[in-house]
Amino acid sequence: MSQSLIALALVARLNILRSDAKIGDILKFLLTSSGISNASIHEALVDLLGKPISESSALVIPTAAYAYPPGAAIAYRLIHGVARSPLCELGWKSLGVLELTALPSIKKEYWVPLVQGIDALLVGGGSPKYLCYWMRQSGLADLMPSLRRETVYVGVSGGSMVVAPTIGEYDDPTLPVGSDRMLGLVDFTIFPHLNRPEMPDTSLANVERWAAGLHIPAYGIDDQTAIKVTDGIAEVVSEGQWKRFAPNPDSPPA
């Protein structure tokens, strides 16, 4: 990875939370705040794929966006490749849409082999609680253990938050169901959009208060930062700002 392109990097060993199916042995993760927003994050994605993006297949999941009033427009921009968070417009060899709310009404033999065969899952932003609910309801969460070891999970904002064990005290009033418990595929959590000017609640002071209530490690990351996870090793790739927060041993488990 070019040193001139990387402003900051941190490598920390993580113990990926494992189910009986050992999910952590299978998936790779690129957890972003705002997609493939710079050359360093782009390079990290190519490294995880092990081949050029132009030779890789992907499915995009826009579901998290629908929890918000402009959700349909957000989903359109994501799929069309004109969103603020670059993801679908990267030149994939093939790209399809996986809409989680539709999956319960579709025969599994129609969509499961498709998911199992792709190189990358591109999970768009929106409500992490809504996304978590539909990942479970759709059966995708249960399918994760069967994905190929080469599969890369690429998250944006809420799509990154959902793989954590918990998102703590996070203001997301979009769903009356569920809780702050997420999928638990990694053993840290993320607060995206650190210090974004038009989002006052993402100030460092606010993120510090959020992290103080967590019993697991937490990262505040801005839109020029991502966390790359392979084989239980996490690497922060950044051309911007980020901060890691140690767990609070006095905070109750989620």
Foldseek 3Di string as FASTA:
>chain_A
DDPVFFPDKDKDFFDFDQDPLGLQQAEWEKEAAFACQGDQSLVLVCVLLVHDQLAFEEEEELAQQVLDPCSVVQSVCQCVQNHRRGDNPRNHVYYYYDYLVCQVVDDCVVPLVVQQPGQEYEYEDHALFRVQVSCVVNCVLVSSSNHGSSHYYYYYQSRNQQCEQFQAPDDDPSDPDDDRGHSRRTHEGEHEAAPPPVDVCNDPVNVVVRQLQFQTKYKYYHRQWIWIDHSRMIMIGGPDDMDIDHGHNPHDHD
